[in-house]
Amino acid sequence: MNTANLQLEGVYAVLAALFQALVDKKVLDEEEVGLMLAEVERGIATGAGRPTEIRSSNVEAMCFPVRFLRSALKASSQGQRPSFAEVTARIRDKQAE
């Protein structure tokens, strides 16, 4: 595996923990975080001003961090602490539906 991927895995885990801490401390609520992440994903997916040469698979890759955070936070709100691999499998399964 590419070392950069391992570093990004760590960044995603930290961001998920940070968002959960903000929810736990009532700085933001789950709905606010969910709406913010949905807006970010929509912005990435629509990509106003993005060069047309960027493939849909690249856009999907750009959306992955947002989807990871949404899935990890949802699991956390249900008292679960899934591993990175478990969250990515959930994302993959959801996309296959």
N, C-alpha and C. Protein backbone atom coordinates (compact mmCIF):
# COMPACT_ATOMS: atom_id res chain seq x y z
N MET A 1 0.85 -1.18 0.00
CA MET A 1 0.00 0.00 0.00
C MET A 1 0.89 1.24 0.00
N ASN A 2 0.45 2.24 -0.70
CA ASN A 2 1.15 3.51 -0.78
C ASN A 2 1.18 4.17 0.61
N THR A 3 2.33 4.68 0.99
CA THR A 3 2.49 5.32 2.30
C THR A 3 1.54 6.50 2.47
N ALA A 4 1.29 7.23 1.40
CA ALA A 4 0.36 8.37 1.48
C ALA A 4 -1.04 7.90 1.88
N ASN A 5 -1.44 6.73 1.40
CA ASN A 5 -2.75 6.19 1.77
C ASN A 5 -2.81 5.91 3.27
N LEU A 6 -1.74 5.41 3.82
CA LEU A 6 -1.70 5.13 5.26
C LEU A 6 -1.76 6.43 6.05
N GLN A 7 -1.09 7.44 5.56
CA GLN A 7 -1.14 8.74 6.24
C GLN A 7 -2.54 9.32 6.18
N LEU A 8 -3.20 9.20 5.03
CA LEU A 8 -4.58 9.70 4.90
C LEU A 8 -5.52 8.92 5.82
N GLU A 9 -5.30 7.64 5.97
CA GLU A 9 -6.12 6.85 6.88
C GLU A 9 -6.06 7.44 8.28
N GLY A 10 -4.87 7.83 8.71
CA GLY A 10 -4.71 8.46 10.01
C GLY A 10 -5.42 9.80 10.09
N VAL A 11 -5.32 10.59 9.03
CA VAL A 11 -5.99 11.90 9.00
C VAL A 11 -7.51 11.72 9.10
N TYR A 12 -8.05 10.76 8.36
CA TYR A 12 -9.50 10.52 8.41
C TYR A 12 -9.94 10.11 9.81
N ALA A 13 -9.15 9.27 10.45
CA ALA A 13 -9.49 8.83 11.80
C ALA A 13 -9.47 10.00 12.78
N VAL A 14 -8.48 10.88 12.64
CA VAL A 14 -8.40 12.07 13.50
C VAL A 14 -9.59 12.99 13.25
N LEU A 15 -9.93 13.23 12.00
CA LEU A 15 -11.07 14.10 11.68
C LEU A 15 -12.38 13.53 12.23
N ALA A 16 -12.56 12.23 12.10
CA ALA A 16 -13.77 11.60 12.64
C ALA A 16 -13.83 11.79 14.15
N ALA A 17 -12.71 11.61 14.83
CA ALA A 17 -12.68 11.79 16.29
C ALA A 17 -12.93 13.25 16.66
N LEU A 18 -12.39 14.17 15.87
CA LEU A 18 -12.59 15.59 16.13
C LEU A 18 -14.06 15.97 15.98
N PHE A 19 -14.68 15.53 14.90
CA PHE A 19 -16.11 15.82 14.71
C PHE A 19 -16.94 15.21 15.83
N GLN A 20 -16.60 14.00 16.24
CA GLN A 20 -17.35 13.37 17.32
C GLN A 20 -17.17 14.14 18.63
N ALA A 21 -15.97 14.64 18.87
CA ALA A 21 -15.73 15.45 20.07
C ALA A 21 -16.55 16.73 20.03
N LEU A 22 -16.65 17.36 18.86
CA LEU A 22 -17.48 18.56 18.74
C LEU A 22 -18.94 18.27 19.02
N VAL A 23 -19.41 17.11 18.58
CA VAL A 23 -20.79 16.71 18.87
C VAL A 23 -20.94 16.40 20.35
N ASP A 24 -19.99 15.64 20.90
CA ASP A 24 -20.07 15.28 22.32
C ASP A 24 -20.06 16.51 23.23
N LYS A 25 -19.31 17.52 22.85
CA LYS A 25 -19.22 18.75 23.65
C LYS A 25 -20.32 19.75 23.31
N LYS A 26 -21.20 19.32 22.42
CA LYS A 26 -22.35 20.13 22.01
C LYS A 26 -21.97 21.45 21.35
N VAL A 27 -20.82 21.46 20.70
CA VAL A 27 -20.42 22.61 19.89
C VAL A 27 -21.24 22.58 18.60
N LEU A 28 -21.39 21.39 18.05
CA LEU A 28 -22.24 21.13 16.88
C LEU A 28 -23.09 19.93 17.22
N ASP A 29 -24.26 19.83 16.59
CA ASP A 29 -25.02 18.60 16.78
C ASP A 29 -24.86 17.71 15.54
N GLU A 30 -25.30 16.47 15.66
CA GLU A 30 -25.12 15.51 14.56
C GLU A 30 -25.74 16.01 13.27
N GLU A 31 -26.89 16.66 13.37
CA GLU A 31 -27.56 17.15 12.17
C GLU A 31 -26.72 18.21 11.48
N GLU A 32 -26.15 19.12 12.26
CA GLU A 32 -25.31 20.18 11.68
C GLU A 32 -24.10 19.59 10.96
N VAL A 33 -23.47 18.64 11.60
CA VAL A 33 -22.31 18.00 10.98
C VAL A 33 -22.74 17.26 9.72
N GLY A 34 -23.85 16.54 9.79
CA GLY A 34 -24.36 15.81 8.63
C GLY A 34 -24.68 16.73 7.47
N LEU A 35 -25.33 17.85 7.76
CA LEU A 35 -25.67 18.81 6.71
C LEU A 35 -24.41 19.42 6.09
N MET A 36 -23.43 19.75 6.93
CA MET A 36 -22.18 20.31 6.43
C MET A 36 -21.46 19.32 5.52
N LEU A 37 -21.39 18.07 5.95
CA LEU A 37 -20.72 17.06 5.13
C LEU A 37 -21.48 16.80 3.84
N ALA A 38 -22.81 16.80 3.89
CA ALA A 38 -23.61 16.61 2.69
C ALA A 38 -23.37 17.75 1.70
N GLU A 39 -23.26 18.97 2.23
CA GLU A 39 -23.00 20.12 1.37
C GLU A 39 -21.62 20.03 0.73
N VAL A 40 -20.64 19.60 1.51
CA VAL A 40 -19.29 19.43 0.97
C VAL A 40 -19.30 18.38 -0.15
N GLU A 41 -19.98 17.26 0.10
CA GLU A 41 -20.03 16.20 -0.92
C GLU A 41 -20.73 16.69 -2.19
N ARG A 42 -21.82 17.42 -2.03
CA ARG A 42 -22.52 17.98 -3.20
C ARG A 42 -21.60 18.91 -3.98
N GLY A 43 -20.85 19.73 -3.26
CA GLY A 43 -19.92 20.65 -3.91
C GLY A 43 -18.85 19.91 -4.70
N ILE A 44 -18.35 18.84 -4.12
CA ILE A 44 -17.34 18.03 -4.82
C ILE A 44 -17.97 17.37 -6.04
N ALA A 45 -19.14 16.80 -5.87
CA ALA A 45 -19.79 16.05 -6.94
C ALA A 45 -20.17 16.95 -8.12
N THR A 46 -20.64 18.16 -7.83
CA THR A 46 -21.05 19.04 -8.92
C THR A 46 -19.86 19.77 -9.52
N GLY A 47 -18.87 20.07 -8.70
CA GLY A 47 -17.60 20.60 -9.17
C GLY A 47 -17.66 21.79 -10.10
N ALA A 48 -18.40 22.82 -9.72
CA ALA A 48 -18.44 24.02 -10.55
C ALA A 48 -17.02 24.53 -10.77
N GLY A 49 -16.67 24.72 -12.01
CA GLY A 49 -15.34 25.22 -12.34
C GLY A 49 -14.27 24.15 -12.45
N ARG A 50 -14.64 22.89 -12.18
CA ARG A 50 -13.65 21.80 -12.27
C ARG A 50 -13.37 21.50 -13.75
N PRO A 51 -12.12 21.26 -14.09
CA PRO A 51 -11.81 20.88 -15.48
C PRO A 51 -12.61 19.65 -15.92
N THR A 52 -13.09 19.67 -17.12
CA THR A 52 -13.93 18.58 -17.63
C THR A 52 -13.16 17.28 -17.82
N GLU A 53 -11.84 17.35 -17.81
CA GLU A 53 -11.03 16.14 -18.01
C GLU A 53 -11.04 15.21 -16.80
N ILE A 54 -11.48 15.70 -15.67
CA ILE A 54 -11.47 14.87 -14.46
C ILE A 54 -12.55 13.80 -14.59
N ARG A 55 -12.14 12.56 -14.46
CA ARG A 55 -13.03 11.41 -14.61
C ARG A 55 -13.95 11.27 -13.41
N SER A 56 -15.07 10.60 -13.66
CA SER A 56 -16.02 10.36 -12.57
C SER A 56 -15.39 9.52 -11.46
N SER A 57 -14.48 8.62 -11.82
CA SER A 57 -13.80 7.81 -10.79
C SER A 57 -12.94 8.70 -9.89
N ASN A 58 -12.37 9.77 -10.45
CA ASN A 58 -11.59 10.70 -9.64
C ASN A 58 -12.51 11.50 -8.71
N VAL A 59 -13.68 11.87 -9.21
CA VAL A 59 -14.64 12.59 -8.38
C VAL A 59 -15.09 11.68 -7.23
N GLU A 60 -15.33 10.40 -7.53
CA GLU A 60 -15.69 9.45 -6.48
C GLU A 60 -14.58 9.36 -5.44
N ALA A 61 -13.34 9.37 -5.88
CA ALA A 61 -12.20 9.33 -4.95
C ALA A 61 -12.17 10.59 -4.09
N MET A 62 -12.51 11.73 -4.68
CA MET A 62 -12.54 12.99 -3.93
C MET A 62 -13.66 12.97 -2.88
N CYS A 63 -14.74 12.27 -3.18
CA CYS A 63 -15.88 12.20 -2.25
C CYS A 63 -15.63 11.20 -1.11
N PHE A 64 -14.66 10.31 -1.28
CA PHE A 64 -14.44 9.27 -0.27
C PHE A 64 -14.22 9.82 1.14
N PRO A 65 -13.37 10.83 1.35
CA PRO A 65 -13.17 11.30 2.73
C PRO A 65 -14.46 11.77 3.39
N VAL A 66 -15.30 12.45 2.62
CA VAL A 66 -16.57 12.93 3.17
C VAL A 66 -17.46 11.75 3.54
N ARG A 67 -17.52 10.77 2.65
CA ARG A 67 -18.34 9.58 2.91
C ARG A 67 -17.80 8.81 4.11
N PHE A 68 -16.48 8.75 4.22
CA PHE A 68 -15.87 8.08 5.37
C PHE A 68 -16.30 8.77 6.66
N LEU A 69 -16.18 10.09 6.70
CA LEU A 69 -16.54 10.83 7.91
C LEU A 69 -18.01 10.66 8.25
N ARG A 70 -18.87 10.73 7.25
CA ARG A 70 -20.30 10.56 7.51
C ARG A 70 -20.59 9.18 8.09
N SER A 71 -19.99 8.15 7.50
CA SER A 71 -20.23 6.79 7.96
C SER A 71 -19.63 6.55 9.36
N ALA A 72 -18.42 7.05 9.58
CA ALA A 72 -17.78 6.88 10.88
C ALA A 72 -18.55 7.59 11.98
N LEU A 73 -19.03 8.80 11.69
CA LEU A 73 -19.79 9.55 12.69
C LEU A 73 -21.14 8.91 12.97
N LYS A 74 -21.77 8.37 11.94
CA LYS A 74 -23.04 7.68 12.15
C LYS A 74 -22.83 6.47 13.06
N ALA A 75 -21.80 5.69 12.79
CA ALA A 75 -21.49 4.53 13.61
C ALA A 75 -21.19 4.94 15.05
N SER A 76 -20.41 6.01 15.19
CA SER A 76 -20.05 6.49 16.52
C SER A 76 -21.28 6.93 17.31
N SER A 77 -22.22 7.57 16.62
CA SER A 77 -23.44 8.02 17.31
C SER A 77 -24.29 6.84 17.77
N GLN A 78 -24.04 5.67 17.18
CA GLN A 78 -24.75 4.45 17.57
C GLN A 78 -23.94 3.62 18.56
N GLY A 79 -22.87 4.24 19.09
CA GLY A 79 -22.04 3.56 20.09
C GLY A 79 -21.04 2.58 19.51
N GLN A 80 -20.82 2.62 18.21
CA GLN A 80 -19.87 1.71 17.56
C GLN A 80 -18.55 2.44 17.31
N ARG A 81 -17.49 1.72 17.27
CA ARG A 81 -16.17 2.26 16.94
C ARG A 81 -15.54 1.36 15.86
N PRO A 82 -16.08 1.42 14.64
CA PRO A 82 -15.56 0.54 13.59
C PRO A 82 -14.15 0.94 13.16
N SER A 83 -13.40 -0.02 12.67
CA SER A 83 -12.06 0.25 12.15
C SER A 83 -12.17 0.94 10.80
N PHE A 84 -11.05 1.44 10.32
CA PHE A 84 -11.02 2.08 9.01
C PHE A 84 -11.52 1.10 7.95
N ALA A 85 -11.06 -0.14 8.00
CA ALA A 85 -11.47 -1.14 7.01
C ALA A 85 -12.97 -1.40 7.07
N GLU A 86 -13.53 -1.43 8.27
CA GLU A 86 -14.98 -1.65 8.40
C GLU A 86 -15.78 -0.50 7.81
N VAL A 87 -15.33 0.71 8.05
CA VAL A 87 -16.04 1.88 7.50
C VAL A 87 -15.94 1.87 5.98
N THR A 88 -14.76 1.60 5.44
CA THR A 88 -14.61 1.59 3.98
C THR A 88 -15.45 0.49 3.36
N ALA A 89 -15.57 -0.66 4.04
CA ALA A 89 -16.43 -1.74 3.52
C ALA A 89 -17.89 -1.29 3.50
N ARG A 90 -18.33 -0.57 4.51
CA ARG A 90 -19.71 -0.06 4.54
C ARG A 90 -19.94 0.90 3.37
N ILE A 91 -18.97 1.75 3.11
CA ILE A 91 -19.08 2.70 1.98
C ILE A 91 -19.16 1.92 0.68
N ARG A 92 -18.29 0.97 0.52
CA ARG A 92 -18.29 0.15 -0.71
C ARG A 92 -19.61 -0.57 -0.89
N ASP A 93 -20.12 -1.17 0.20
CA ASP A 93 -21.39 -1.90 0.12
C ASP A 93 -22.54 -0.97 -0.22
N LYS A 94 -22.53 0.23 0.32
CA LYS A 94 -23.59 1.19 0.06
C LYS A 94 -23.55 1.62 -1.41
N GLN A 95 -22.37 1.80 -1.96
CA GLN A 95 -22.25 2.20 -3.36
C GLN A 95 -22.68 1.06 -4.30
N ALA A 96 -22.54 -0.17 -3.84
CA ALA A 96 -22.92 -1.31 -4.67
C ALA A 96 -24.44 -1.48 -4.74
N GLU A 97 -25.14 -0.88 -3.79
CA GLU A 97 -26.62 -1.03 -3.75
C GLU A 97 -27.27 -0.41 -4.95
